[in-house]
PDB file of N, CA and C in Angstrom:
ATOM      1  N   UNK A   1      74.955 -43.131  48.495  1.00  0.00           N
ATOM      2  CA  UNK A   1      76.594 -43.058  48.493  1.00  0.00           C
ATOM      3  C   UNK A   1      76.707 -42.033  49.591  1.00  0.00           C
ATOM      4  N   UNK A   2      77.769 -42.175  50.251  1.00  0.00           N
ATOM      5  CA  UNK A   2      77.964 -41.422  51.414  1.00  0.00           C
ATOM      6  C   UNK A   2      78.649 -40.164  51.032  1.00  0.00           C
ATOM      7  N   UNK A   3      78.741 -39.429  51.874  1.00  0.00           N
ATOM      8  CA  UNK A   3      79.371 -37.877  51.684  1.00  0.00           C
ATOM      9  C   UNK A   3      80.921 -38.165  51.449  1.00  0.00           C
ATOM     10  N   UNK A   4      81.674 -39.112  52.182  1.00  0.00           N
ATOM     11  CA  UNK A   4      82.932 -39.436  52.302  1.00  0.00           C
ATOM     12  C   UNK A   4      83.288 -39.908  50.750  1.00  0.00           C
ATOM     13  N   UNK A   5      82.575 -40.659  50.337  1.00  0.00           N
ATOM     14  CA  UNK A   5      82.715 -41.350  48.934  1.00  0.00           C
ATOM     15  C   UNK A   5      82.504 -40.264  47.940  1.00  0.00           C
ATOM     16  N   UNK A   6      81.601 -39.492  48.043  1.00  0.00           N
ATOM     17  CA  UNK A   6      81.218 -38.476  47.066  1.00  0.00           C
ATOM     18  C   UNK A   6      82.570 -37.347  46.811  1.00  0.00           C
ATOM     19  N   UNK A   7      83.011 -37.178  48.104  1.00  0.00           N
ATOM     20  CA  UNK A   7      84.156 -36.079  48.184  1.00  0.00           C
ATOM     21  C   UNK A   7      85.348 -36.830  47.642  1.00  0.00           C
ATOM     22  N   UNK A   8      85.470 -38.112  47.718  1.00  0.00           N
ATOM     23  CA  UNK A   8      86.805 -38.803  47.066  1.00  0.00           C
ATOM     24  C   UNK A   8      86.343 -38.817  45.598  1.00  0.00           C
ATOM     25  N   UNK A   9      85.217 -39.269  45.312  1.00  0.00           N
ATOM     26  CA  UNK A   9      85.011 -39.166  44.024  1.00  0.00           C
ATOM     27  C   UNK A   9      85.066 -37.837  43.202  1.00  0.00           C
ATOM     28  N   UNK A  10      84.867 -37.007  43.849  1.00  0.00           N
ATOM     29  CA  UNK A  10      84.922 -35.509  43.306  1.00  0.00           C
ATOM     30  C   UNK A  10      86.402 -35.018  43.316  1.00  0.00           C
ATOM     31  N   UNK A  11      87.275 -35.581  44.239  1.00  0.00           N
ATOM     32  CA  UNK A  11      88.486 -35.161  44.375  1.00  0.00           C
ATOM     33  C   UNK A  11      89.495 -35.389  43.068  1.00  0.00           C
ATOM     34  N   UNK A  12      88.911 -36.447  42.272  1.00  0.00           N
ATOM     35  CA  UNK A  12      89.767 -37.019  41.179  1.00  0.00           C
ATOM     36  C   UNK A  12      89.264 -35.967  40.038  1.00  0.00           C
ATOM     37  N   UNK A  13      88.420 -35.234  40.109  1.00  0.00           N
ATOM     38  CA  UNK A  13      87.977 -34.299  38.708  1.00  0.00           C
ATOM     39  C   UNK A  13      88.238 -33.155  39.086  1.00  0.00           C
ATOM     40  N   UNK A  14      88.599 -32.502  37.965  1.00  0.00           N
ATOM     41  CA  UNK A  14      88.929 -30.532  38.100  1.00  0.00           C
ATOM     42  C   UNK A  14      87.929 -30.368  37.018  1.00  0.00           C
ATOM     43  N   UNK A  15      86.792 -29.528  37.322  1.00  0.00           N
ATOM     44  CA  UNK A  15      85.980 -28.876  36.199  1.00  0.00           C
ATOM     45  C   UNK A  15      85.292 -29.796  35.308  1.00  0.00           C
ATOM     46  N   UNK A  16      85.023 -31.111  36.061  1.00  0.00           N
ATOM     47  CA  UNK A  16      84.027 -31.885  35.171  1.00  0.00           C
ATOM     48  C   UNK A  16      85.282 -32.709  33.963  1.00  0.00           C
ATOM     49  N   UNK A  17      86.381 -32.626  34.082  1.00  0.00           N
ATOM     50  CA  UNK A  17      87.451 -33.473  33.358  1.00  0.00           C
ATOM     51  C   UNK A  17      88.140 -34.620  34.082  1.00  0.00           C
ATOM     52  N   UNK A  18      88.493 -35.700  33.887  1.00  0.00           N
ATOM     53  CA  UNK A  18      89.119 -36.663  34.286  1.00  0.00           C
ATOM     54  C   UNK A  18      90.477 -36.151  34.930  1.00  0.00           C
ATOM     55  N   UNK A  19      90.876 -36.750  35.868  1.00  0.00           N
ATOM     56  CA  UNK A  19      92.415 -36.312  36.380  1.00  0.00           C
ATOM     57  C   UNK A  19      93.248 -37.228  35.483  1.00  0.00           C
ATOM     58  N   UNK A  20      94.485 -36.659  35.671  1.00  0.00           N
ATOM     59  CA  UNK A  20      95.695 -37.340  35.090  1.00  0.00           C
ATOM     60  C   UNK A  20      95.738 -38.911  35.379  1.00  0.00           C
ATOM     61  N   UNK A  21      95.459 -39.064  36.895  1.00  0.00           N
ATOM     62  CA  UNK A  21      95.458 -40.475  37.337  1.00  0.00           C
ATOM     63  C   UNK A  21      94.405 -41.362  36.461  1.00  0.00           C
ATOM     64  N   UNK A  22      93.126 -40.794  36.594  1.00  0.00           N
ATOM     65  CA  UNK A  22      92.093 -41.622  35.975  1.00  0.00           C
ATOM     66  C   UNK A  22      92.350 -41.760  34.263  1.00  0.00           C
ATOM     67  N   UNK A  23      92.887 -40.883  33.642  1.00  0.00           N
ATOM     68  CA  UNK A  23      93.200 -41.205  32.101  1.00  0.00           C
ATOM     69  C   UNK A  23      94.459 -42.093  32.331  1.00  0.00           C
ATOM     70  N   UNK A  24      95.272 -42.063  33.085  1.00  0.00           N
ATOM     71  CA  UNK A  24      96.450 -43.308  33.163  1.00  0.00           C
ATOM     72  C   UNK A  24      95.933 -44.508  33.449  1.00  0.00           C
ATOM     73  N   UNK A  25      95.107 -44.517  34.298  1.00  0.00           N
ATOM     74  CA  UNK A  25      94.564 -46.158  34.670  1.00  0.00           C
ATOM     75  C   UNK A  25      93.704 -46.625  33.597  1.00  0.00           C
ATOM     76  N   UNK A  26      92.916 -45.508  32.786  1.00  0.00           N
ATOM     77  CA  UNK A  26      92.151 -46.171  31.716  1.00  0.00           C
ATOM     78  C   UNK A  26      92.946 -46.281  30.621  1.00  0.00           C
ATOM     79  N   UNK A  27      93.985 -45.669  30.364  1.00  0.00           N
ATOM     80  CA  UNK A  27      95.087 -46.003  29.271  1.00  0.00           C
ATOM     81  C   UNK A  27      95.634 -47.512  29.351  1.00  0.00           C
ATOM     82  N   UNK A  28      96.064 -47.721  30.627  1.00  0.00           N
ATOM     83  CA  UNK A  28      96.642 -48.762  31.013  1.00  0.00           C
ATOM     84  C   UNK A  28      95.676 -49.966  31.026  1.00  0.00           C
ATOM     85  N   UNK A  29      94.616 -49.660  31.507  1.00  0.00           N
ATOM     86  CA  UNK A  29      93.458 -51.008  31.089  1.00  0.00           C
ATOM     87  C   UNK A  29      93.229 -50.978  29.823  1.00  0.00           C
ATOM     88  N   UNK A  30      93.091 -50.136  28.851  1.00  0.00           N
ATOM     89  CA  UNK A  30      92.823 -50.488  27.599  1.00  0.00           C
ATOM     90  C   UNK A  30      93.907 -51.117  26.656  1.00  0.00           C
ATOM     91  N   UNK A  31      95.127 -50.613  27.195  1.00  0.00           N
ATOM     92  CA  UNK A  31      96.362 -51.441  26.697  1.00  0.00           C
ATOM     93  C   UNK A  31      96.322 -52.727  27.071  1.00  0.00           C
ATOM     94  N   UNK A  32      96.073 -52.910  28.020  1.00  0.00           N
ATOM     95  CA  UNK A  32      96.104 -54.510  28.683  1.00  0.00           C
ATOM     96  C   UNK A  32      95.032 -55.551  27.903  1.00  0.00           C
ATOM     97  N   UNK A  33      93.954 -54.704  27.732  1.00  0.00           N
ATOM     98  CA  UNK A  33      92.741 -55.541  26.823  1.00  0.00           C
ATOM     99  C   UNK A  33      93.057 -55.540  25.550  1.00  0.00           C
ATOM    100  N   UNK A  34      93.644 -54.367  24.976  1.00  0.00           N
ATOM    101  CA  UNK A  34      93.958 -54.762  23.657  1.00  0.00           C
ATOM    102  C   UNK A  34      95.173 -55.696  23.212  1.00  0.00           C
ATOM    103  N   UNK A  35      96.151 -55.742  24.242  1.00  0.00           N
ATOM    104  CA  UNK A  35      96.993 -56.839  23.965  1.00  0.00           C
ATOM    105  C   UNK A  35      96.326 -58.239  24.186  1.00  0.00           C
ATOM    106  N   UNK A  36      95.596 -58.559  25.291  1.00  0.00           N
ATOM    107  CA  UNK A  36      94.885 -59.683  25.502  1.00  0.00           C
ATOM    108  C   UNK A  36      94.051 -60.285  24.003  1.00  0.00           C
ATOM    109  N   UNK A  37      93.434 -59.088  23.460  1.00  0.00           N
ATOM    110  CA  UNK A  37      92.712 -59.092  22.202  1.00  0.00           C
ATOM    111  C   UNK A  37      93.395 -59.855  21.130  1.00  0.00           C
ATOM    112  N   UNK A  38      94.579 -58.940  21.039  1.00  0.00           N
ATOM    113  CA  UNK A  38      95.686 -59.478  19.819  1.00  0.00           C
ATOM    114  C   UNK A  38      96.314 -60.741  20.086  1.00  0.00           C
ATOM    115  N   UNK A  39      96.315 -61.006  21.337  1.00  0.00           N
ATOM    116  CA  UNK A  39      97.097 -62.424  21.400  1.00  0.00           C
ATOM    117  C   UNK A  39      95.871 -63.719  21.240  1.00  0.00           C
ATOM    118  N   UNK A  40      94.956 -63.175  21.751  1.00  0.00           N
ATOM    119  CA  UNK A  40      93.704 -64.138  21.285  1.00  0.00           C
ATOM    120  C   UNK A  40      93.357 -64.645  19.784  1.00  0.00           C
ATOM    121  N   UNK A  41      93.587 -63.238  19.043  1.00  0.00           N
ATOM    122  CA  UNK A  41      93.288 -63.185  17.628  1.00  0.00           C
ATOM    123  C   UNK A  41      94.513 -63.987  16.868  1.00  0.00           C
ATOM    124  N   UNK A  42      95.629 -63.667  17.364  1.00  0.00           N
ATOM    125  CA  UNK A  42      96.896 -64.608  16.647  1.00  0.00           C
ATOM    126  C   UNK A  42      96.912 -66.141  17.186  1.00  0.00           C
ATOM    127  N   UNK A  43      96.683 -66.245  18.273  1.00  0.00           N
ATOM    128  CA  UNK A  43      96.509 -67.710  18.448  1.00  0.00           C
ATOM    129  C   UNK A  43      95.278 -68.372  17.935  1.00  0.00           C
ATOM    130  N   UNK A  44      94.131 -67.815  17.619  1.00  0.00           N
ATOM    131  CA  UNK A  44      93.058 -68.476  17.116  1.00  0.00           C
ATOM    132  C   UNK A  44      93.462 -68.671  15.414  1.00  0.00           C
ATOM    133  N   UNK A  45      94.136 -67.654  15.034  1.00  0.00           N
ATOM    134  CA  UNK A  45      94.431 -67.449  13.397  1.00  0.00           C
ATOM    135  C   UNK A  45      95.256 -68.842  13.161  1.00  0.00           C
ATOM    136  N   UNK A  46      96.395 -69.343  14.084  1.00  0.00           N
ATOM    137  CA  UNK A  46      97.283 -70.337  13.958  1.00  0.00           C
ATOM    138  C   UNK A  46      96.363 -71.651  14.246  1.00  0.00           C
ATOM    139  N   UNK A  47      95.525 -71.594  15.161  1.00  0.00           N
ATOM    140  CA  UNK A  47      94.992 -72.984  15.585  1.00  0.00           C
ATOM    141  C   UNK A  47      94.172 -73.331  14.622  1.00  0.00           C
ATOM    142  N   UNK A  48      93.263 -72.398  13.817  1.00  0.00           N
ATOM    143  CA  UNK A  48      92.738 -72.711  12.762  1.00  0.00           C
ATOM    144  C   UNK A  48      93.589 -73.262  11.597  1.00  0.00           C
ATOM    145  N   UNK A  49      94.658 -72.840  11.514  1.00  0.00           N
ATOM    146  CA  UNK A  49      95.455 -73.408  10.358  1.00  0.00           C
ATOM    147  C   UNK A  49      95.861 -74.757  10.689  1.00  0.00           C
ATOM    148  N   UNK A  50      96.298 -74.764  12.002  1.00  0.00           N
ATOM    149  CA  UNK A  50      96.823 -76.338  12.264  1.00  0.00           C
ATOM    150  C   UNK A  50      95.794 -77.222  12.518  1.00  0.00           C
ATOM    151  N   UNK A  51      94.443 -77.060  12.663  1.00  0.00           N
ATOM    152  CA  UNK A  51      93.447 -77.999  12.951  1.00  0.00           C
ATOM    153  C   UNK A  51      93.521 -78.955  11.827  1.00  0.00           C
ATOM    154  N   UNK A  52      93.407 -78.485  10.410  1.00  0.00           N
ATOM    155  CA  UNK A  52      93.527 -79.593   9.567  1.00  0.00           C
ATOM    156  C   UNK A  52      94.910 -79.749   8.683  1.00  0.00           C
ATOM    157  N   UNK A  53      95.867 -79.739   9.583  1.00  0.00           N
ATOM    158  CA  UNK A  53      97.185 -80.279   9.112  1.00  0.00           C
ATOM    159  C   UNK A  53      97.149 -81.437   8.453  1.00  0.00           C
ATOM    160  N   UNK A  54      96.577 -82.427   8.969  1.00  0.00           N
ATOM    161  CA  UNK A  54      96.729 -83.817   8.751  1.00  0.00           C
ATOM    162  C   UNK A  54      95.850 -84.072   7.499  1.00  0.00           C
ATOM    163  N   UNK A  55      95.353 -83.406   6.765  1.00  0.00           N
ATOM    164  CA  UNK A  55      94.268 -83.344   5.676  1.00  0.00           C
ATOM    165  C   UNK A  55      95.184 -82.864   4.600  1.00  0.00           C
ATOM    166  N   UNK A  56      96.327 -82.157   4.790  1.00  0.00           N
ATOM    167  CA  UNK A  56      97.477 -81.640   3.687  1.00  0.00           C
ATOM    168  C   UNK A  56      97.953 -82.648   3.166  1.00  0.00           C
ATOM    169  N   UNK A  57      97.825 -82.834   1.804  1.00  0.00           N
ATOM    170  CA  UNK A  57      98.879 -83.955   1.169  1.00  0.00           C
ATOM    171  C   UNK A  57     100.380 -83.685   1.494  1.00  0.00           C
ATOM    172  N   UNK A  58     101.216 -84.966   1.828  1.00  0.00           N
ATOM    173  CA  UNK A  58     102.311 -84.419   2.219  1.00  0.00           C
ATOM    174  C   UNK A  58     102.935 -84.375   3.501  1.00  0.00           C
ATOM    175  N   UNK A  59     101.896 -83.981   4.197  1.00  0.00           N
ATOM    176  CA  UNK A  59     102.137 -83.675   5.752  1.00  0.00           C
ATOM    177  C   UNK A  59     101.794 -85.156   6.575  1.00  0.00           C
ATOM    178  N   UNK A  60     102.855 -85.698   7.106  1.00  0.00           N
ATOM    179  CA  UNK A  60     102.161 -86.820   7.906  1.00  0.00           C
ATOM    180  C   UNK A  60     102.856 -86.628   9.261  1.00  0.00           C
ATOM    181  N   UNK A  61     103.052 -87.672   9.858  1.00  0.00           N
ATOM    182  CA  UNK A  61     103.563 -87.804  11.254  1.00  0.00           C
ATOM    183  C   UNK A  61     104.748 -87.353  11.592  1.00  0.00           C
ATOM    184  N   UNK A  62     105.866 -87.419  10.958  1.00  0.00           N
ATOM    185  CA  UNK A  62     107.070 -86.799  11.042  1.00  0.00           C
ATOM    186  C   UNK A  62     107.007 -85.610  10.899  1.00  0.00           C
ATOM    187  N   UNK A  63     106.358 -84.667   9.917  1.00  0.00           N
ATOM    188  CA  UNK A  63     106.279 -83.281   9.665  1.00  0.00           C
ATOM    189  C   UNK A  63     105.612 -82.850  10.874  1.00  0.00           C
ATOM    190  N   UNK A  64     104.399 -83.165  11.414  1.00  0.00           N
ATOM    191  CA  UNK A  64     104.035 -82.741  12.611  1.00  0.00           C
ATOM    192  C   UNK A  64     104.693 -82.811  13.662  1.00  0.00           C
ATOM    193  N   UNK A  65     105.564 -84.038  13.886  1.00  0.00           N
ATOM    194  CA  UNK A  65     106.459 -83.990  14.862  1.00  0.00           C
ATOM    195  C   UNK A  65     107.554 -82.964  14.990  1.00  0.00           C
ATOM    196  N   UNK A  66     107.942 -82.532  13.845  1.00  0.00           N
ATOM    197  CA  UNK A  66     108.920 -81.608  13.606  1.00  0.00           C
ATOM    198  C   UNK A  66     108.443 -80.196  14.132  1.00  0.00           C
ATOM    199  N   UNK A  67     107.266 -79.709  13.529  1.00  0.00           N
ATOM    200  CA  UNK A  67     106.455 -78.382  14.088  1.00  0.00           C
ATOM    201  C   UNK A  67     106.329 -78.546  15.621  1.00  0.00           C
ATOM    202  N   UNK A  68     105.938 -79.657  16.045  1.00  0.00           N
ATOM    203  CA  UNK A  68     105.708 -79.514  17.477  1.00  0.00           C
ATOM    204  C   UNK A  68     107.011 -79.426  18.048  1.00  0.00           C
ATOM    205  N   UNK A  69     108.064 -79.997  17.749  1.00  0.00           N
ATOM    206  CA  UNK A  69     109.250 -79.709  18.468  1.00  0.00           C
ATOM    207  C   UNK A  69     109.896 -78.463  17.996  1.00  0.00           C
ATOM    208  N   UNK A  70     109.676 -77.808  17.027  1.00  0.00           N
ATOM    209  CA  UNK A  70     109.950 -76.168  16.817  1.00  0.00           C
ATOM    210  C   UNK A  70     109.221 -75.320  17.531  1.00  0.00           C
ATOM    211  N   UNK A  71     108.158 -75.627  17.603  1.00  0.00           N
ATOM    212  CA  UNK A  71     107.068 -74.432  18.384  1.00  0.00           C
ATOM    213  C   UNK A  71     107.075 -74.580  19.753  1.00  0.00           C
ATOM    214  N   UNK A  72     107.259 -75.893  20.168  1.00  0.00           N
ATOM    215  CA  UNK A  72     107.181 -76.345  21.628  1.00  0.00           C
ATOM    216  C   UNK A  72     105.984 -77.116  21.870  1.00  0.00           C
ATOM    217  N   UNK A  73     105.910 -78.018  22.713  1.00  0.00           N
ATOM    218  CA  UNK A  73     104.921 -78.849  23.220  1.00  0.00           C
ATOM    219  C   UNK A  73     103.545 -78.373  23.659  1.00  0.00           C
ATOM    220  N   UNK A  74     104.218 -77.042  24.427  1.00  0.00           N
ATOM    221  CA  UNK A  74     102.962 -76.297  25.318  1.00  0.00           C
ATOM    222  C   UNK A  74     101.893 -75.780  24.212  1.00  0.00           C
ATOM    223  N   UNK A  75     102.313 -75.883  23.157  1.00  0.00           N
ATOM    224  CA  UNK A  75     101.393 -75.074  21.771  1.00  0.00           C
ATOM    225  C   UNK A  75     100.389 -76.093  20.956  1.00  0.00           C
ATOM    226  N   UNK A  76     100.687 -77.196  21.680  1.00  0.00           N
ATOM    227  CA  UNK A  76      99.995 -78.530  20.767  1.00  0.00           C
ATOM    228  C   UNK A  76      99.244 -78.973  21.786  1.00  0.00           C
ATOM    229  N   UNK A  77      97.963 -79.862  21.389  1.00  0.00           N
ATOM    230  CA  UNK A  77      97.341 -80.823  22.141  1.00  0.00           C
ATOM    231  C   UNK A  77      97.339 -81.939  21.521  1.00  0.00           C
ATOM    232  N   UNK A  78      97.283 -83.300  22.197  1.00  0.00           N
ATOM    233  CA  UNK A  78      97.530 -84.521  21.750  1.00  0.00           C
ATOM    234  C   UNK A  78      96.119 -84.761  21.246  1.00  0.00           C
ATOM    235  N   UNK A  79      95.916 -85.208  19.834  1.00  0.00           N
ATOM    236  CA  UNK A  79      94.474 -85.587  19.462  1.00  0.00           C
ATOM    237  C   UNK A  79      94.702 -86.693  18.897  1.00  0.00           C
ATOM    238  N   UNK A  80      93.630 -87.983  19.250  1.00  0.00           N
ATOM    239  CA  UNK A  80      93.887 -89.000  18.515  1.00  0.00           C
ATOM    240  C   UNK A  80      93.091 -89.215  17.175  1.00  0.00           C
ATOM    241  N   UNK A  81      93.646 -89.901  16.358  1.00  0.00           N
ATOM    242  CA  UNK A  81      92.786 -89.604  14.928  1.00  0.00           C
ATOM    243  C   UNK A  81      91.560 -90.534  15.180  1.00  0.00           C
TER     244      UNK A  81
END
């Protein structure tokens, strides 16, 4: 590591503590990652529930078409039986 890089790295810390900029960057990174994880968990939850929808008595093609229309086509993928 060059002296310039060491100086730059050291300028971000005061008395061995992270600077406000570093804390803010870490917070934003954690917030974005947490949001991504939350979206993935919610998506997977609904995906698991909809995977077996044709096996539920009383739910046929028309009901599935209504669900697709209500939620939006972008959330469903066409699967041949």
